[in-house]
Amino acid sequence: MTADTLPKRSDVPVELTWDLTSIYATDAAWEADFARVSGMLPEIRSYAGKLNKTGKALLSALNLRDTAGQILGKLSCYANMRLHEDTTSSQYQAFTDRVSALGSQLAAAMPAL
């Protein structure tokens, strides 16, 4: 089968497509979580050099790391699945690029965690 014989996404019956609304109901909801994780970066960085001070600080840092990681996983899943619905979509290519960059920023923000 060639690309010329594949149906357009709009021609595929909805019951044969992914229902991504269980991940994010709208792109705006995705954007809100993206902003949420971006906003966590300064707080994550603030734990540098403080993790050995108290158990409370360590627990808070680990909880923040876990929350950011869980949200990042959702962001990535949604962006990648949307892109794979139609790999010609520049919007969802941008989503995948942005979430990849955010993942790198998150990893750089928490080297000690």
N, C-alpha and C. Protein backbone atom coordinates (compact mmCIF):
# COMPACT_ATOMS: atom_id res chain seq x y z
N MET A 1 0.85 -1.18 0.00
CA MET A 1 0.00 0.00 0.00
C MET A 1 0.90 1.24 0.00
N THR A 2 0.60 2.19 -0.84
CA THR A 2 1.36 3.42 -0.90
C THR A 2 0.63 4.53 -0.17
N ALA A 3 1.33 5.62 0.05
CA ALA A 3 0.73 6.76 0.73
C ALA A 3 -0.46 7.30 -0.05
N ASP A 4 -0.45 7.11 -1.36
CA ASP A 4 -1.55 7.60 -2.19
C ASP A 4 -2.84 6.82 -1.96
N THR A 5 -2.74 5.60 -1.48
CA THR A 5 -3.94 4.80 -1.29
C THR A 5 -4.46 4.82 0.14
N LEU A 6 -3.72 5.43 1.04
CA LEU A 6 -4.18 5.53 2.43
C LEU A 6 -5.29 6.56 2.52
N PRO A 7 -6.31 6.26 3.33
CA PRO A 7 -7.38 7.25 3.48
C PRO A 7 -6.88 8.44 4.29
N LYS A 8 -7.49 9.57 4.04
CA LYS A 8 -7.21 10.75 4.85
C LYS A 8 -7.78 10.51 6.24
N ARG A 9 -7.16 11.12 7.21
CA ARG A 9 -7.62 10.96 8.60
C ARG A 9 -9.10 11.30 8.72
N SER A 10 -9.52 12.33 8.04
CA SER A 10 -10.92 12.76 8.11
C SER A 10 -11.87 11.74 7.49
N ASP A 11 -11.35 10.82 6.67
CA ASP A 11 -12.19 9.80 6.04
C ASP A 11 -12.26 8.51 6.84
N VAL A 12 -11.50 8.40 7.91
CA VAL A 12 -11.50 7.19 8.74
C VAL A 12 -12.67 7.28 9.72
N PRO A 13 -13.48 6.24 9.81
CA PRO A 13 -14.60 6.27 10.77
C PRO A 13 -14.08 6.50 12.20
N VAL A 14 -14.78 7.32 12.95
CA VAL A 14 -14.32 7.71 14.28
C VAL A 14 -14.15 6.50 15.20
N GLU A 15 -14.94 5.46 15.00
CA GLU A 15 -14.82 4.27 15.86
C GLU A 15 -13.53 3.49 15.59
N LEU A 16 -12.83 3.82 14.52
CA LEU A 16 -11.55 3.18 14.22
C LEU A 16 -10.36 4.06 14.60
N THR A 17 -10.62 5.13 15.32
CA THR A 17 -9.56 6.05 15.70
C THR A 17 -9.38 6.04 17.21
N TRP A 18 -8.22 6.55 17.65
CA TRP A 18 -7.97 6.67 19.09
C TRP A 18 -8.88 7.72 19.69
N ASP A 19 -9.34 7.47 20.90
CA ASP A 19 -10.06 8.49 21.66
C ASP A 19 -9.08 9.06 22.68
N LEU A 20 -8.45 10.15 22.33
CA LEU A 20 -7.44 10.74 23.18
C LEU A 20 -8.01 11.70 24.22
N THR A 21 -9.33 11.84 24.22
CA THR A 21 -9.94 12.74 25.21
C THR A 21 -9.77 12.22 26.63
N SER A 22 -9.45 10.94 26.79
CA SER A 22 -9.20 10.43 28.15
C SER A 22 -7.84 10.90 28.66
N ILE A 23 -6.98 11.34 27.76
CA ILE A 23 -5.68 11.89 28.16
C ILE A 23 -5.82 13.39 28.34
N TYR A 24 -6.23 14.08 27.29
CA TYR A 24 -6.54 15.52 27.34
C TYR A 24 -7.78 15.75 26.49
N ALA A 25 -8.76 16.41 27.06
CA ALA A 25 -10.00 16.67 26.34
C ALA A 25 -9.80 17.66 25.20
N THR A 26 -8.84 18.55 25.38
CA THR A 26 -8.58 19.58 24.37
C THR A 26 -7.09 19.89 24.32
N ASP A 27 -6.67 20.51 23.25
CA ASP A 27 -5.29 20.97 23.16
C ASP A 27 -5.01 22.03 24.22
N ALA A 28 -6.03 22.80 24.58
CA ALA A 28 -5.86 23.82 25.62
C ALA A 28 -5.54 23.18 26.97
N ALA A 29 -6.13 22.04 27.25
CA ALA A 29 -5.82 21.31 28.50
C ALA A 29 -4.37 20.83 28.48
N TRP A 30 -3.91 20.38 27.30
CA TRP A 30 -2.51 19.98 27.13
C TRP A 30 -1.60 21.18 27.42
N GLU A 31 -1.94 22.32 26.85
CA GLU A 31 -1.15 23.53 27.03
C GLU A 31 -1.10 23.93 28.51
N ALA A 32 -2.20 23.76 29.23
CA ALA A 32 -2.24 24.10 30.65
C ALA A 32 -1.27 23.22 31.45
N ASP A 33 -1.26 21.92 31.16
CA ASP A 33 -0.32 21.04 31.86
C ASP A 33 1.12 21.31 31.44
N PHE A 34 1.31 21.68 30.19
CA PHE A 34 2.66 22.04 29.73
C PHE A 34 3.16 23.24 30.55
N ALA A 35 2.32 24.23 30.71
CA ALA A 35 2.68 25.41 31.49
C ALA A 35 2.89 25.05 32.96
N ARG A 36 2.11 24.11 33.45
CA ARG A 36 2.25 23.67 34.85
C ARG A 36 3.63 23.06 35.09
N VAL A 37 4.06 22.15 34.21
CA VAL A 37 5.38 21.54 34.37
C VAL A 37 6.48 22.58 34.19
N SER A 38 6.33 23.44 33.21
CA SER A 38 7.31 24.52 33.02
C SER A 38 7.44 25.36 34.28
N GLY A 39 6.31 25.62 34.93
CA GLY A 39 6.30 26.40 36.16
C GLY A 39 6.93 25.69 37.34
N MET A 40 7.03 24.37 37.28
CA MET A 40 7.65 23.59 38.36
C MET A 40 9.18 23.64 38.32
N LEU A 41 9.74 23.98 37.16
CA LEU A 41 11.19 23.94 37.00
C LEU A 41 11.95 24.79 38.02
N PRO A 42 11.54 26.05 38.27
CA PRO A 42 12.28 26.84 39.28
C PRO A 42 12.22 26.22 40.68
N GLU A 43 11.07 25.67 41.04
CA GLU A 43 10.95 25.04 42.36
C GLU A 43 11.83 23.80 42.44
N ILE A 44 11.88 23.01 41.36
CA ILE A 44 12.75 21.83 41.35
C ILE A 44 14.20 22.26 41.51
N ARG A 45 14.59 23.28 40.78
CA ARG A 45 15.97 23.79 40.87
C ARG A 45 16.30 24.29 42.27
N SER A 46 15.29 24.79 42.98
CA SER A 46 15.52 25.36 44.31
C SER A 46 15.97 24.32 45.33
N TYR A 47 15.79 23.06 45.03
CA TYR A 47 16.21 21.99 45.94
C TYR A 47 17.69 21.64 45.81
N ALA A 48 18.37 22.20 44.83
CA ALA A 48 19.79 21.89 44.64
C ALA A 48 20.57 22.18 45.92
N GLY A 49 21.32 21.20 46.35
CA GLY A 49 22.15 21.34 47.53
C GLY A 49 21.41 21.28 48.85
N LYS A 50 20.12 21.02 48.84
CA LYS A 50 19.32 21.02 50.07
C LYS A 50 18.73 19.66 50.41
N LEU A 51 18.93 18.68 49.56
CA LEU A 51 18.28 17.39 49.76
C LEU A 51 18.77 16.64 50.98
N ASN A 52 19.97 16.95 51.43
CA ASN A 52 20.51 16.26 52.60
C ASN A 52 20.26 17.02 53.90
N LYS A 53 19.51 18.10 53.83
CA LYS A 53 19.27 18.93 55.01
C LYS A 53 18.21 18.32 55.93
N THR A 54 17.07 17.96 55.35
CA THR A 54 15.99 17.36 56.15
C THR A 54 15.27 16.31 55.33
N GLY A 55 14.66 15.39 56.02
CA GLY A 55 13.85 14.39 55.35
C GLY A 55 12.65 15.02 54.66
N LYS A 56 12.12 16.08 55.26
CA LYS A 56 10.97 16.78 54.67
C LYS A 56 11.33 17.39 53.32
N ALA A 57 12.52 17.99 53.24
CA ALA A 57 12.97 18.58 51.98
C ALA A 57 13.13 17.50 50.91
N LEU A 58 13.71 16.39 51.29
CA LEU A 58 13.89 15.29 50.34
C LEU A 58 12.54 14.77 49.87
N LEU A 59 11.62 14.56 50.79
CA LEU A 59 10.29 14.06 50.42
C LEU A 59 9.58 15.05 49.49
N SER A 60 9.64 16.32 49.80
CA SER A 60 9.00 17.33 48.95
C SER A 60 9.60 17.33 47.55
N ALA A 61 10.92 17.25 47.48
CA ALA A 61 11.59 17.24 46.17
C ALA A 61 11.21 16.01 45.36
N LEU A 62 11.17 14.86 46.01
CA LEU A 62 10.82 13.63 45.31
C LEU A 62 9.36 13.64 44.85
N ASN A 63 8.48 14.17 45.69
CA ASN A 63 7.07 14.28 45.29
C ASN A 63 6.90 15.22 44.10
N LEU A 64 7.62 16.33 44.12
CA LEU A 64 7.56 17.28 43.02
C LEU A 64 8.09 16.64 41.74
N ARG A 65 9.22 15.94 41.86
CA ARG A 65 9.80 15.24 40.71
C ARG A 65 8.81 14.23 40.13
N ASP A 66 8.17 13.46 41.01
CA ASP A 66 7.23 12.44 40.55
C ASP A 66 6.01 13.06 39.88
N THR A 67 5.49 14.13 40.45
CA THR A 67 4.34 14.82 39.85
C THR A 67 4.70 15.36 38.48
N ALA A 68 5.83 16.03 38.38
CA ALA A 68 6.26 16.59 37.09
C ALA A 68 6.47 15.47 36.08
N GLY A 69 7.06 14.37 36.50
CA GLY A 69 7.30 13.25 35.60
C GLY A 69 6.01 12.61 35.10
N GLN A 70 5.03 12.48 35.98
CA GLN A 70 3.74 11.91 35.57
C GLN A 70 3.05 12.80 34.55
N ILE A 71 3.06 14.09 34.80
CA ILE A 71 2.42 15.01 33.86
C ILE A 71 3.18 15.02 32.54
N LEU A 72 4.50 15.01 32.61
CA LEU A 72 5.32 14.97 31.40
C LEU A 72 4.99 13.72 30.58
N GLY A 73 4.77 12.60 31.23
CA GLY A 73 4.40 11.38 30.53
C GLY A 73 3.09 11.53 29.78
N LYS A 74 2.10 12.14 30.41
CA LYS A 74 0.83 12.40 29.74
C LYS A 74 1.01 13.33 28.55
N LEU A 75 1.78 14.40 28.77
CA LEU A 75 2.03 15.36 27.69
C LEU A 75 2.67 14.67 26.49
N SER A 76 3.65 13.84 26.76
CA SER A 76 4.37 13.14 25.70
C SER A 76 3.47 12.15 24.97
N CYS A 77 2.72 11.38 25.72
CA CYS A 77 1.82 10.39 25.12
C CYS A 77 0.82 11.07 24.18
N TYR A 78 0.19 12.12 24.66
CA TYR A 78 -0.81 12.83 23.85
C TYR A 78 -0.18 13.41 22.59
N ALA A 79 0.94 14.10 22.76
CA ALA A 79 1.59 14.74 21.62
C ALA A 79 2.00 13.71 20.57
N ASN A 80 2.58 12.61 21.01
CA ASN A 80 3.02 11.59 20.07
C ASN A 80 1.88 10.86 19.40
N MET A 81 0.83 10.58 20.14
CA MET A 81 -0.32 9.91 19.53
C MET A 81 -1.03 10.83 18.54
N ARG A 82 -1.13 12.11 18.90
CA ARG A 82 -1.72 13.08 17.96
C ARG A 82 -0.88 13.17 16.69
N LEU A 83 0.42 13.21 16.84
CA LEU A 83 1.29 13.28 15.67
C LEU A 83 1.13 12.03 14.81
N HIS A 84 1.03 10.87 15.42
CA HIS A 84 0.92 9.64 14.66
C HIS A 84 -0.46 9.44 14.02
N GLU A 85 -1.42 10.24 14.42
CA GLU A 85 -2.69 10.26 13.69
C GLU A 85 -2.49 10.81 12.28
N ASP A 86 -1.62 11.80 12.19
CA ASP A 86 -1.33 12.44 10.90
C ASP A 86 0.07 13.03 10.98
N THR A 87 1.03 12.31 10.46
CA THR A 87 2.43 12.74 10.59
C THR A 87 2.76 13.99 9.78
N THR A 88 1.80 14.48 9.00
CA THR A 88 2.03 15.73 8.28
C THR A 88 1.60 16.95 9.10
N SER A 89 1.09 16.73 10.31
CA SER A 89 0.59 17.82 11.14
C SER A 89 1.74 18.60 11.77
N SER A 90 1.91 19.83 11.33
CA SER A 90 2.97 20.66 11.92
C SER A 90 2.63 21.04 13.36
N GLN A 91 1.35 21.14 13.67
CA GLN A 91 0.94 21.48 15.03
C GLN A 91 1.41 20.41 16.02
N TYR A 92 1.18 19.15 15.69
CA TYR A 92 1.54 18.10 16.63
C TYR A 92 3.02 17.73 16.55
N GLN A 93 3.67 18.05 15.44
CA GLN A 93 5.12 17.93 15.41
C GLN A 93 5.71 18.94 16.40
N ALA A 94 5.13 20.13 16.42
CA ALA A 94 5.58 21.16 17.36
C ALA A 94 5.32 20.71 18.80
N PHE A 95 4.18 20.09 19.06
CA PHE A 95 3.88 19.58 20.40
C PHE A 95 4.96 18.58 20.83
N THR A 96 5.30 17.64 19.94
CA THR A 96 6.29 16.63 20.31
C THR A 96 7.66 17.26 20.52
N ASP A 97 8.01 18.23 19.71
CA ASP A 97 9.28 18.93 19.88
C ASP A 97 9.31 19.68 21.21
N ARG A 98 8.22 20.35 21.53
CA ARG A 98 8.16 21.12 22.77
C ARG A 98 8.23 20.22 24.00
N VAL A 99 7.52 19.10 23.96
CA VAL A 99 7.53 18.22 25.13
C VAL A 99 8.88 17.54 25.28
N SER A 100 9.55 17.27 24.17
CA SER A 100 10.89 16.71 24.23
C SER A 100 11.85 17.70 24.88
N ALA A 101 11.76 18.96 24.49
CA ALA A 101 12.60 20.00 25.08
C ALA A 101 12.29 20.18 26.57
N LEU A 102 11.00 20.10 26.92
CA LEU A 102 10.62 20.23 28.32
C LEU A 102 11.18 19.06 29.14
N GLY A 103 11.16 17.88 28.57
CA GLY A 103 11.74 16.73 29.25
C GLY A 103 13.22 16.92 29.51
N SER A 104 13.92 17.48 28.55
CA SER A 104 15.35 17.78 28.73
C SER A 104 15.56 18.82 29.81
N GLN A 105 14.72 19.84 29.82
CA GLN A 105 14.82 20.88 30.85
C GLN A 105 14.54 20.30 32.24
N LEU A 106 13.57 19.41 32.32
CA LEU A 106 13.22 18.78 33.59
C LEU A 106 14.37 17.92 34.07
N ALA A 107 14.95 17.14 33.18
CA ALA A 107 16.09 16.29 33.55
C ALA A 107 17.27 17.14 34.02
N ALA A 108 17.51 18.25 33.36
CA ALA A 108 18.63 19.13 33.75
C ALA A 108 18.36 19.82 35.08
N ALA A 109 17.09 20.04 35.40
CA ALA A 109 16.74 20.75 36.64
C ALA A 109 16.91 19.88 37.87
N MET A 110 16.93 18.55 37.70
CA MET A 110 16.97 17.69 38.86
C MET A 110 18.06 16.62 38.80
N PRO A 111 19.29 17.02 38.61
CA PRO A 111 20.36 16.01 38.53
C PRO A 111 20.57 15.24 39.82
N ALA A 112 20.26 15.85 40.95
CA ALA A 112 20.48 15.17 42.23
C ALA A 112 19.28 14.35 42.67
N LEU A 113 18.19 14.43 41.94
CA LEU A 113 17.00 13.69 42.35
C LEU A 113 16.98 12.37 41.62
